[in-house]
Amino acid sequence: MNRQSYYTAGSKNQAALSAAAADNSAVISPDGSSSPAAEGSSQTVNEGAGPIDPGQIPMIPLPNPGEGGPVADLTPPIYRPIRPGGNNHTVIIPGITFPCSSCSSNTYGKVRFINTSTGYPGFYIYLGNWLVASQLGNGETTRYLQATTGSQTVTVSGINGYVYVQKEIRVRSDVPMTVAIINTASGLDLMEISDLSCSAPSGASCLRVCNLSLNLGPFDVSVGSQSSLYTPFTNVRYKEVTPYTSFYPGWYQLNVSRTGTSPGIYVASSAATLSANTSYTFYIFNAENAVDGLKTMILSN
């Protein structure tokens, strides 16, 4: 692919070091498991906080004037049982076609959601008529969910039922996708991000960068091992998703600097172990509070 290069983290037979993280970062696999992160790191998804009374979850109302756009005439949502476990408020409910024993590869796709916005409480997210996440906060993400292919309506609302944004997305059977909730100059929006894996040599790891910080970029991202440091991603602007760059599997330090600043001055740092035959996206976005600056998160496709 364009801008694809190959870097090494040292000897190929060197045992991979454990993932580390700093400055609110985490590495999350498609099944929802995460590698260890530094204390104070961003929250990963948590499946369930006990049963929810459907009467306590608001129906999707019309938006306030000037916000949210037109609202489809949806039938009342049907709430599936919530899986138990977890200690925070994020609740994940199975996807729109779950269970999907009759689904074939060309009738459903995979969709997950990440909240990179600031200035709002946790969101209730509907995919079609299904509630797929509740109180999804800044820096939190869902697992991939099964969804019927074709046009699907995503609704993002508050705890009181206020609709912040409602938008159509296109679900494809052959390409998983991440839908990011982002800040814009006029409020909130949804950004579709294709999670198609890279075409690197077998055994390689792939990494790309996605900048979803409205006002703190653009950024350069340096990737280093114990013996070397490279800057394969430069001048990454708001809403830009870079092409993949391939690496030998292993442990890497990821340093974020503002484009044009002096070398070695970083505004965020993270570290992770990249696995073979796996593609990753390194997300950069604003932390919930302005004083906390940036958050970073690595998601595997």
Protein backbone atom coordinates (compact mmCIF):
# COMPACT_ATOMS: atom_id res chain seq x y z
CA MET A 1 0.00 0.00 0.00
CA ASN A 2 1.07 3.60 -0.30
CA ARG A 3 3.55 4.86 2.27
CA GLN A 4 4.08 1.30 3.47
CA SER A 5 7.52 0.57 4.91
CA TYR A 6 9.08 -2.09 7.12
CA TYR A 7 10.65 -1.54 10.52
CA THR A 8 12.15 -3.93 13.02
CA ALA A 9 11.85 -4.11 16.75
CA GLY A 10 15.05 -6.15 17.00
CA SER A 11 15.72 -9.83 16.46
CA LYS A 12 12.73 -11.71 15.07
CA ASN A 13 13.12 -14.44 17.68
CA GLN A 14 13.19 -12.01 20.58
CA ALA A 15 10.24 -12.63 22.92
CA ALA A 16 7.67 -9.87 22.67
CA LEU A 17 7.55 -7.66 25.71
CA SER A 18 4.30 -7.08 27.57
CA ALA A 19 2.17 -4.19 26.38
CA ALA A 20 2.58 -1.00 28.34
CA ALA A 21 0.63 2.19 28.18
CA ALA A 22 0.87 5.75 29.37
CA ASP A 23 -1.13 8.93 29.15
CA ASN A 24 -4.54 7.27 29.02
CA SER A 25 -3.89 4.60 26.39
CA ALA A 26 -4.97 1.00 25.90
CA VAL A 27 -4.71 -1.85 23.42
CA ILE A 28 -8.00 -3.56 22.69
CA SER A 29 -8.55 -6.68 20.59
CA PRO A 30 -11.69 -7.35 18.53
CA ASP A 31 -13.13 -9.65 21.15
CA GLY A 32 -13.02 -6.90 23.74
CA SER A 33 -9.95 -8.11 25.69
CA SER A 34 -7.29 -5.55 26.48
CA SER A 35 -3.61 -5.70 27.29
CA PRO A 36 -2.34 -4.14 30.52
CA ALA A 37 -2.32 -0.35 30.55
CA ALA A 38 -0.83 2.20 32.88
CA GLU A 39 -2.82 3.25 35.93
CA GLY A 40 -5.24 5.98 34.98
CA SER A 41 -5.53 4.75 31.41
CA SER A 42 -8.64 5.24 29.30
CA GLN A 43 -11.61 3.04 30.02
CA THR A 44 -12.22 0.07 27.78
CA VAL A 45 -15.63 -1.35 27.23
CA ASN A 46 -17.33 -3.13 30.10
CA GLU A 47 -20.13 -5.56 29.42
CA GLY A 48 -23.00 -4.83 31.71
CA ALA A 49 -23.82 -3.23 35.00
CA GLY A 50 -26.90 -5.24 35.88
CA PRO A 51 -30.40 -5.31 34.43
CA ILE A 52 -31.95 -2.14 33.09
CA ASP A 53 -35.64 -1.43 33.32
CA PRO A 54 -36.76 -0.61 29.76
CA GLY A 55 -39.05 2.04 31.22
CA GLN A 56 -36.02 3.90 32.51
CA ILE A 57 -34.37 4.15 29.08
CA PRO A 58 -35.87 6.98 27.02
CA MET A 59 -37.39 6.49 23.63
CA ILE A 60 -35.79 8.35 20.74
CA PRO A 61 -37.47 11.78 20.58
CA LEU A 62 -37.35 14.52 18.01
CA PRO A 63 -34.20 16.63 18.32
CA ASN A 64 -34.16 20.13 19.66
CA PRO A 65 -34.52 22.76 16.91
CA GLY A 66 -31.40 23.07 14.82
CA GLU A 67 -29.70 19.95 16.10
CA GLY A 68 -29.70 16.25 15.35
CA GLY A 69 -31.23 16.42 11.89
CA PRO A 70 -34.39 14.61 10.82
CA VAL A 71 -35.46 11.65 12.89
CA ALA A 72 -36.75 8.52 11.21
CA ASP A 73 -40.14 7.13 12.20
CA LEU A 74 -38.72 4.25 14.23
CA THR A 75 -40.72 1.59 16.00
CA PRO A 76 -40.10 1.35 19.75
CA PRO A 77 -36.78 -0.37 20.54
CA ILE A 78 -36.84 -3.90 21.90
CA TYR A 79 -34.30 -4.38 24.67
CA ARG A 80 -32.35 -7.61 24.79
CA PRO A 81 -31.08 -8.95 28.12
CA ILE A 82 -27.91 -7.28 29.32
CA ARG A 83 -24.95 -9.49 29.98
CA PRO A 84 -23.79 -9.36 33.61
CA GLY A 85 -20.42 -8.28 34.91
CA GLY A 86 -18.31 -5.16 35.10
CA ASN A 87 -18.01 -2.20 37.41
CA ASN A 88 -18.56 0.93 35.33
CA HIS A 89 -21.61 2.30 33.59
CA THR A 90 -20.98 1.12 30.03
CA VAL A 91 -23.44 -1.54 28.93
CA ILE A 92 -23.06 -3.51 25.71
CA ILE A 93 -26.03 -5.32 24.21
CA PRO A 94 -25.77 -7.82 21.34
CA GLY A 95 -26.01 -6.40 17.84
CA ILE A 96 -29.03 -5.87 15.63
CA THR A 97 -29.04 -9.41 14.21
CA PHE A 98 -27.92 -11.22 17.36
CA PRO A 99 -28.35 -14.14 17.69
CA CYS A 100 -27.61 -14.72 14.04
CA SER A 101 -27.44 -18.47 13.52
CA SER A 102 -28.79 -18.18 9.98
CA CYS A 103 -26.49 -15.34 8.91
CA SER A 104 -24.07 -15.97 6.07
CA SER A 105 -20.95 -14.00 5.21
CA ASN A 106 -22.79 -11.84 2.69
CA THR A 107 -25.79 -10.93 4.84
CA TYR A 108 -24.16 -9.25 7.81
CA GLY A 109 -21.19 -7.04 8.60
CA LYS A 110 -19.26 -5.99 11.70
CA VAL A 111 -19.60 -2.55 13.29
CA ARG A 112 -18.13 -1.12 16.48
CA PHE A 113 -18.40 2.32 18.08
CA ILE A 114 -15.83 4.55 19.77
CA ASN A 115 -16.60 7.77 21.61
CA THR A 116 -13.85 10.33 20.99
CA SER A 117 -15.98 13.37 21.79
CA THR A 118 -15.65 15.72 24.75
CA GLY A 119 -18.08 18.00 26.53
CA TYR A 120 -20.96 15.51 26.70
CA PRO A 121 -22.14 12.89 29.19
CA GLY A 122 -22.17 9.24 28.17
CA PHE A 123 -24.27 8.37 25.13
CA TYR A 124 -27.00 5.87 24.36
CA ILE A 125 -26.31 4.44 20.90
CA TYR A 126 -28.93 2.80 18.72
CA LEU A 127 -28.12 0.78 15.61
CA GLY A 128 -31.42 0.68 13.77
CA ASN A 129 -33.97 -0.05 16.49
CA TRP A 130 -31.54 -1.77 18.84
CA LEU A 131 -29.84 -0.15 21.79
CA VAL A 132 -26.23 -1.33 21.42
CA ALA A 133 -24.49 0.74 24.12
CA SER A 134 -25.52 2.87 27.07
CA GLN A 135 -23.55 5.62 28.80
CA LEU A 136 -20.62 5.19 26.42
CA GLY A 137 -18.13 7.75 27.71
CA ASN A 138 -15.09 9.50 26.31
CA GLY A 139 -12.42 6.98 25.29
CA GLU A 140 -14.74 3.97 25.51
CA THR A 141 -15.46 1.52 22.71
CA THR A 142 -17.80 -1.36 22.01
CA ARG A 143 -16.94 -4.76 20.60
CA TYR A 144 -17.67 -5.46 16.97
CA LEU A 145 -21.40 -6.05 16.58
CA GLN A 146 -23.17 -8.07 13.90
CA ALA A 147 -25.38 -5.85 11.75
CA THR A 148 -27.46 -6.51 8.66
CA THR A 149 -25.71 -5.28 5.52
CA GLY A 150 -26.94 -2.17 3.76
CA SER A 151 -28.09 1.17 5.08
CA GLN A 152 -28.47 1.38 8.87
CA THR A 153 -29.53 4.34 11.01
CA VAL A 154 -27.31 5.23 13.97
CA THR A 155 -28.84 7.41 16.69
CA VAL A 156 -26.79 8.97 19.47
CA SER A 157 -28.85 10.30 22.36
CA GLY A 158 -28.41 11.45 25.93
CA ILE A 159 -29.75 9.91 29.11
CA ASN A 160 -32.83 12.16 28.89
CA GLY A 161 -33.60 11.02 25.34
CA TYR A 162 -32.26 14.12 23.63
CA VAL A 163 -30.99 13.20 20.16
CA TYR A 164 -27.56 14.66 19.48
CA VAL A 165 -27.06 13.15 16.05
CA GLN A 166 -28.78 10.66 13.79
CA LYS A 167 -27.12 9.47 10.61
CA GLU A 168 -27.21 6.70 8.03
CA ILE A 169 -24.19 4.40 7.71
CA ARG A 170 -23.48 1.74 5.10
CA VAL A 171 -22.70 -1.71 6.52
CA ARG A 172 -20.70 -3.97 4.19
CA SER A 173 -20.26 -7.70 4.52
CA ASP A 174 -16.62 -7.76 3.44
CA VAL A 175 -15.23 -4.80 5.42
CA PRO A 176 -15.61 -4.32 9.19
CA MET A 177 -15.94 -0.73 10.30
CA THR A 178 -15.53 1.56 13.28
CA VAL A 179 -17.98 4.43 13.76
CA ALA A 180 -16.44 7.26 15.77
CA ILE A 181 -18.45 9.89 17.62
CA ILE A 182 -16.47 13.08 17.08
CA ASN A 183 -16.55 16.76 17.93
CA THR A 184 -17.01 19.24 15.11
CA ALA A 185 -17.17 23.03 15.04
CA SER A 186 -20.98 22.81 15.06
CA GLY A 187 -21.53 19.97 17.54
CA LEU A 188 -21.31 16.20 17.09
CA ASP A 189 -20.94 14.00 14.04
CA LEU A 190 -20.33 10.35 13.15
CA MET A 191 -17.28 9.29 11.15
CA GLU A 192 -17.14 5.92 9.38
CA ILE A 193 -13.70 4.29 9.39
CA SER A 194 -13.03 1.19 7.29
CA ASP A 195 -11.17 -1.50 9.24
CA LEU A 196 -9.88 -3.41 6.23
CA SER A 197 -6.55 -4.99 7.16
CA CYS A 198 -3.31 -4.07 5.44
CA SER A 199 -1.62 -6.03 2.67
CA ALA A 200 1.73 -6.55 4.39
CA PRO A 201 3.96 -9.62 4.12
CA SER A 202 2.86 -12.62 6.18
CA GLY A 203 4.02 -12.38 9.78
CA ALA A 204 4.14 -8.57 9.84
CA SER A 205 2.28 -6.14 12.07
CA CYS A 206 0.54 -3.11 10.61
CA LEU A 207 -0.17 0.27 12.20
CA ARG A 208 -1.97 3.40 11.04
CA VAL A 209 -2.93 6.67 12.76
CA CYS A 210 -6.31 8.39 13.01
CA ASN A 211 -6.45 11.96 14.35
CA LEU A 212 -9.85 12.85 15.81
CA SER A 213 -8.73 15.86 17.87
CA LEU A 214 -10.66 18.87 16.63
CA ASN A 215 -8.27 21.58 17.75
CA LEU A 216 -4.93 20.24 19.03
CA GLY A 217 -3.30 18.88 15.85
CA PRO A 218 -1.87 18.23 13.37
CA PHE A 219 0.46 15.59 14.79
CA ASP A 220 3.58 13.60 14.01
CA VAL A 221 3.78 10.07 15.46
CA SER A 222 7.16 8.45 16.10
CA VAL A 223 7.49 4.70 16.53
CA GLY A 224 10.51 3.34 18.35
CA SER A 225 12.00 0.17 19.76
CA GLN A 226 14.85 -0.23 22.21
CA SER A 227 17.40 0.61 19.55
CA SER A 228 15.78 2.94 17.03
CA LEU A 229 13.16 5.65 16.52
CA TYR A 230 11.30 6.51 13.31
CA THR A 231 8.62 9.03 12.41
CA PRO A 232 6.55 7.25 9.76
CA PHE A 233 3.44 9.40 10.33
CA THR A 234 3.75 13.15 9.80
CA ASN A 235 1.34 16.08 9.64
CA VAL A 236 -1.68 13.92 10.47
CA ARG A 237 -4.62 16.30 10.33
CA TYR A 238 -8.07 16.25 11.91
CA LYS A 239 -10.22 13.36 10.60
CA GLU A 240 -7.29 11.93 8.64
CA VAL A 241 -6.70 8.17 8.61
CA THR A 242 -3.21 7.39 7.36
CA PRO A 243 -2.24 4.41 5.23
CA TYR A 244 -0.82 1.43 7.08
CA THR A 245 2.88 1.05 7.78
CA SER A 246 4.22 -2.45 8.47
CA PHE A 247 6.58 -3.49 11.27
CA TYR A 248 8.15 -6.61 12.64
CA PRO A 249 6.05 -7.86 15.57
CA GLY A 250 7.29 -6.68 18.94
CA TRP A 251 7.21 -3.92 21.52
CA TYR A 252 7.13 -0.30 20.38
CA GLN A 253 7.00 3.13 21.98
CA LEU A 254 4.58 5.56 20.28
CA ASN A 255 5.27 9.26 20.78
CA VAL A 256 2.93 12.03 19.62
CA SER A 257 4.21 15.54 18.91
CA ARG A 258 2.63 18.56 17.31
CA THR A 259 3.78 19.03 13.75
CA GLY A 260 6.47 21.67 13.53
CA THR A 261 7.68 21.47 17.14
CA SER A 262 11.26 20.75 18.15
CA PRO A 263 12.33 17.09 18.16
CA GLY A 264 11.73 15.23 21.40
CA ILE A 265 8.85 17.41 22.61
CA TYR A 266 5.89 15.07 22.96
CA VAL A 267 2.30 15.83 23.91
CA ALA A 268 1.32 12.18 24.42
CA SER A 269 3.04 8.82 24.70
CA SER A 270 1.96 5.21 24.56
CA ALA A 271 3.50 1.76 24.24
CA ALA A 272 2.23 -1.55 22.97
CA THR A 273 3.22 -4.97 21.73
CA LEU A 274 2.18 -5.44 18.10
CA SER A 275 1.29 -9.01 17.13
CA ALA A 276 2.01 -10.74 13.84
CA ASN A 277 -0.63 -10.70 11.10
CA THR A 278 -2.63 -8.04 12.93
CA SER A 279 -3.59 -4.52 11.87
CA TYR A 280 -3.94 -1.73 14.40
CA THR A 281 -5.30 1.82 14.43
CA PHE A 282 -3.73 4.38 16.77
CA TYR A 283 -6.44 6.89 17.68
CA ILE A 284 -5.61 10.39 18.93
CA PHE A 285 -8.39 12.50 20.44
CA ASN A 286 -9.07 15.03 23.18
CA ALA A 287 -9.42 13.87 26.77
CA GLU A 288 -12.67 14.45 28.60
CA ASN A 289 -11.25 17.42 30.49
CA ALA A 290 -9.24 20.14 28.75
CA VAL A 291 -6.57 20.04 31.45
CA ASP A 292 -5.89 16.38 30.60
CA GLY A 293 -4.90 17.19 27.00
CA LEU A 294 -4.89 14.23 24.66
CA LYS A 295 -5.89 10.60 24.90
CA THR A 296 -4.55 7.80 22.73
CA MET A 297 -5.97 4.35 22.11
CA ILE A 298 -4.82 1.43 19.97
CA LEU A 299 -7.54 -0.81 18.54
CA SER A 300 -6.85 -3.99 16.58
CA ASN A 301 -9.01 -4.67 13.56
